[in-house]
């Protein structure tokens, strides 16, 4: 899956308190990234304020194979 790593903010953006953290990557609009705020709203992240990263979700360790 892809996510946005927030690396910068001008202090007025919704992600100003999320520097160093990841937010969901929805798509690239051609002028900025579309993401989702912690409150669940769709919003945008400026190109210069984030990097797209690739990550794998951890598997649930309580799941066990049954044979």
N, C-alpha and C. Protein backbone atom coordinates (compact mmCIF):
# COMPACT_ATOMS: atom_id res chain seq x y z
N UNK A 1 0.84 -1.18 0.00
CA UNK A 1 0.00 0.00 0.00
C UNK A 1 0.88 1.24 0.00
N UNK A 2 0.31 2.34 -0.44
CA UNK A 2 1.03 3.60 -0.46
C UNK A 2 0.50 4.52 0.63
N UNK A 3 1.39 5.36 1.14
CA UNK A 3 1.03 6.37 2.13
C UNK A 3 1.85 7.62 1.84
N UNK A 4 1.48 8.71 2.47
CA UNK A 4 2.24 9.94 2.36
C UNK A 4 2.95 10.19 3.68
N UNK A 5 4.26 10.37 3.61
CA UNK A 5 5.04 10.74 4.78
C UNK A 5 5.12 12.26 4.78
N UNK A 6 4.54 12.87 5.79
CA UNK A 6 4.53 14.34 5.87
C UNK A 6 5.91 14.81 6.31
N UNK A 7 6.54 15.65 5.49
CA UNK A 7 7.90 16.12 5.79
C UNK A 7 7.97 17.62 6.05
N UNK A 8 6.89 18.34 5.78
CA UNK A 8 6.92 19.79 5.92
C UNK A 8 5.49 20.32 5.96
N UNK A 9 5.33 21.53 6.47
CA UNK A 9 4.04 22.21 6.45
C UNK A 9 4.28 23.68 6.72
N UNK A 10 3.46 24.53 6.12
CA UNK A 10 3.62 25.97 6.32
C UNK A 10 2.94 26.45 7.60
N UNK A 11 2.37 25.55 8.37
CA UNK A 11 1.73 25.93 9.63
C UNK A 11 0.25 26.23 9.50
N UNK A 12 -0.25 26.34 8.28
CA UNK A 12 -1.66 26.62 8.07
C UNK A 12 -2.42 25.42 7.54
N UNK A 13 -1.71 24.36 7.20
CA UNK A 13 -2.33 23.18 6.60
C UNK A 13 -2.91 22.25 7.66
N UNK A 14 -3.86 21.43 7.25
CA UNK A 14 -4.50 20.49 8.18
C UNK A 14 -3.50 19.49 8.75
N UNK A 15 -2.40 19.25 8.06
CA UNK A 15 -1.42 18.25 8.49
C UNK A 15 -0.23 18.86 9.24
N UNK A 16 -0.35 20.09 9.70
CA UNK A 16 0.76 20.79 10.37
C UNK A 16 1.25 20.06 11.61
N UNK A 17 0.38 19.32 12.30
CA UNK A 17 0.79 18.58 13.50
C UNK A 17 1.18 17.13 13.20
N UNK A 18 1.25 16.78 11.92
CA UNK A 18 1.54 15.40 11.52
C UNK A 18 2.91 15.23 10.87
N UNK A 19 3.80 16.21 11.01
CA UNK A 19 5.13 16.11 10.41
C UNK A 19 5.85 14.90 11.00
N UNK A 20 6.41 14.07 10.12
CA UNK A 20 7.08 12.84 10.54
C UNK A 20 6.15 11.64 10.62
N UNK A 21 4.87 11.85 10.36
CA UNK A 21 3.89 10.77 10.41
C UNK A 21 3.34 10.49 9.02
N UNK A 22 2.67 9.37 8.87
CA UNK A 22 2.08 8.99 7.58
C UNK A 22 0.57 9.24 7.59
N UNK A 23 0.08 9.63 6.43
CA UNK A 23 -1.36 9.78 6.20
C UNK A 23 -1.70 8.96 4.96
N UNK A 24 -2.95 8.56 4.80
CA UNK A 24 -3.32 7.74 3.65
C UNK A 24 -3.09 8.47 2.32
N UNK A 25 -2.62 7.72 1.32
CA UNK A 25 -2.50 8.23 -0.04
C UNK A 25 -3.68 7.69 -0.82
N UNK A 26 -4.51 8.59 -1.37
CA UNK A 26 -5.65 8.17 -2.18
C UNK A 26 -5.27 8.22 -3.65
N UNK A 27 -4.78 9.38 -4.12
CA UNK A 27 -4.30 9.49 -5.49
C UNK A 27 -3.55 10.80 -5.69
N UNK A 28 -3.03 10.96 -6.90
CA UNK A 28 -2.32 12.16 -7.30
C UNK A 28 -3.22 12.90 -8.27
N UNK A 29 -3.60 14.12 -7.94
CA UNK A 29 -4.54 14.87 -8.77
C UNK A 29 -3.88 15.56 -9.95
N UNK A 30 -2.54 15.55 -9.97
CA UNK A 30 -1.82 16.27 -11.01
C UNK A 30 -1.27 17.60 -10.52
N UNK A 31 -1.82 18.08 -9.42
CA UNK A 31 -1.32 19.33 -8.82
C UNK A 31 -0.98 19.17 -7.34
N UNK A 32 -1.52 18.10 -6.71
CA UNK A 32 -1.28 17.81 -5.29
C UNK A 32 -1.74 16.38 -5.02
N UNK A 33 -1.45 15.90 -3.81
CA UNK A 33 -1.89 14.56 -3.41
C UNK A 33 -3.23 14.63 -2.70
N UNK A 34 -4.09 13.65 -2.98
CA UNK A 34 -5.35 13.54 -2.26
C UNK A 34 -5.13 12.55 -1.11
N UNK A 35 -5.60 12.92 0.07
CA UNK A 35 -5.40 12.10 1.26
C UNK A 35 -6.66 12.13 2.11
N UNK A 36 -6.55 11.57 3.31
CA UNK A 36 -7.67 11.57 4.24
C UNK A 36 -7.18 12.07 5.60
N UNK A 37 -7.89 13.02 6.14
CA UNK A 37 -7.57 13.57 7.47
C UNK A 37 -7.90 12.53 8.54
N UNK A 38 -7.30 12.66 9.73
CA UNK A 38 -7.65 11.75 10.83
C UNK A 38 -9.15 11.75 11.15
N UNK A 39 -9.82 12.87 10.91
CA UNK A 39 -11.26 12.95 11.16
C UNK A 39 -12.09 12.24 10.09
N UNK A 40 -11.42 11.79 9.00
CA UNK A 40 -12.12 11.05 7.96
C UNK A 40 -12.44 11.84 6.71
N UNK A 41 -12.20 13.14 6.72
CA UNK A 41 -12.49 13.96 5.56
C UNK A 41 -11.40 13.81 4.50
N UNK A 42 -11.78 13.86 3.23
CA UNK A 42 -10.81 13.88 2.14
C UNK A 42 -10.23 15.28 2.05
N UNK A 43 -8.91 15.37 1.92
CA UNK A 43 -8.26 16.67 1.83
C UNK A 43 -6.99 16.51 1.00
N UNK A 44 -6.26 17.57 0.81
CA UNK A 44 -5.11 17.58 -0.09
C UNK A 44 -3.82 17.92 0.63
N UNK A 45 -2.71 17.36 0.10
CA UNK A 45 -1.38 17.61 0.63
C UNK A 45 -0.52 18.14 -0.52
N UNK A 46 0.15 19.24 -0.29
CA UNK A 46 1.02 19.84 -1.30
C UNK A 46 2.19 18.91 -1.62
N UNK A 47 2.60 18.85 -2.90
CA UNK A 47 3.72 18.00 -3.32
C UNK A 47 4.96 18.23 -2.47
N UNK A 48 5.29 19.48 -2.20
CA UNK A 48 6.53 19.79 -1.49
C UNK A 48 6.47 19.42 -0.01
N UNK A 49 5.29 19.05 0.49
CA UNK A 49 5.14 18.75 1.91
C UNK A 49 5.12 17.26 2.24
N UNK A 50 5.22 16.39 1.22
CA UNK A 50 5.12 14.96 1.50
C UNK A 50 5.90 14.13 0.48
N UNK A 51 6.20 12.90 0.89
CA UNK A 51 6.81 11.90 0.01
C UNK A 51 5.91 10.68 0.00
N UNK A 52 5.72 10.09 -1.19
CA UNK A 52 4.97 8.84 -1.27
C UNK A 52 5.89 7.72 -0.82
N UNK A 53 5.40 6.89 0.08
CA UNK A 53 6.17 5.73 0.52
C UNK A 53 5.35 4.47 0.30
N UNK A 54 6.03 3.36 0.15
CA UNK A 54 5.40 2.06 -0.03
C UNK A 54 5.58 1.29 1.28
N UNK A 55 4.54 0.65 1.75
CA UNK A 55 4.69 -0.14 2.98
C UNK A 55 3.80 -1.37 2.92
N UNK A 56 4.15 -2.34 3.73
CA UNK A 56 3.34 -3.55 3.85
C UNK A 56 2.68 -3.53 5.22
N UNK A 57 1.42 -3.91 5.24
CA UNK A 57 0.71 -3.98 6.51
C UNK A 57 1.17 -5.21 7.27
N UNK A 58 1.27 -5.10 8.57
CA UNK A 58 1.63 -6.24 9.40
C UNK A 58 0.46 -7.21 9.46
N UNK A 59 0.78 -8.49 9.44
CA UNK A 59 -0.27 -9.50 9.60
C UNK A 59 -0.64 -9.60 11.07
N UNK A 60 -1.85 -9.96 11.30
CA UNK A 60 -2.32 -10.15 12.65
C UNK A 60 -1.62 -11.37 13.25
N UNK A 61 -0.85 -11.17 14.30
CA UNK A 61 -0.06 -12.25 14.88
C UNK A 61 -0.92 -13.28 15.59
N UNK A 62 -2.17 -12.97 15.89
CA UNK A 62 -3.02 -13.94 16.57
C UNK A 62 -3.63 -14.93 15.58
N UNK A 63 -3.54 -14.60 14.28
CA UNK A 63 -4.06 -15.53 13.28
C UNK A 63 -3.08 -16.70 13.16
N UNK A 64 -3.60 -17.89 13.21
CA UNK A 64 -2.77 -19.08 13.07
C UNK A 64 -3.37 -19.97 12.00
N UNK A 65 -2.47 -20.69 11.34
CA UNK A 65 -2.94 -21.62 10.32
C UNK A 65 -3.60 -22.80 11.01
N UNK A 66 -4.68 -23.25 10.42
CA UNK A 66 -5.33 -24.47 10.91
C UNK A 66 -5.16 -25.52 9.85
N UNK A 67 -4.74 -26.68 10.26
CA UNK A 67 -4.52 -27.78 9.32
C UNK A 67 -5.34 -28.97 9.71
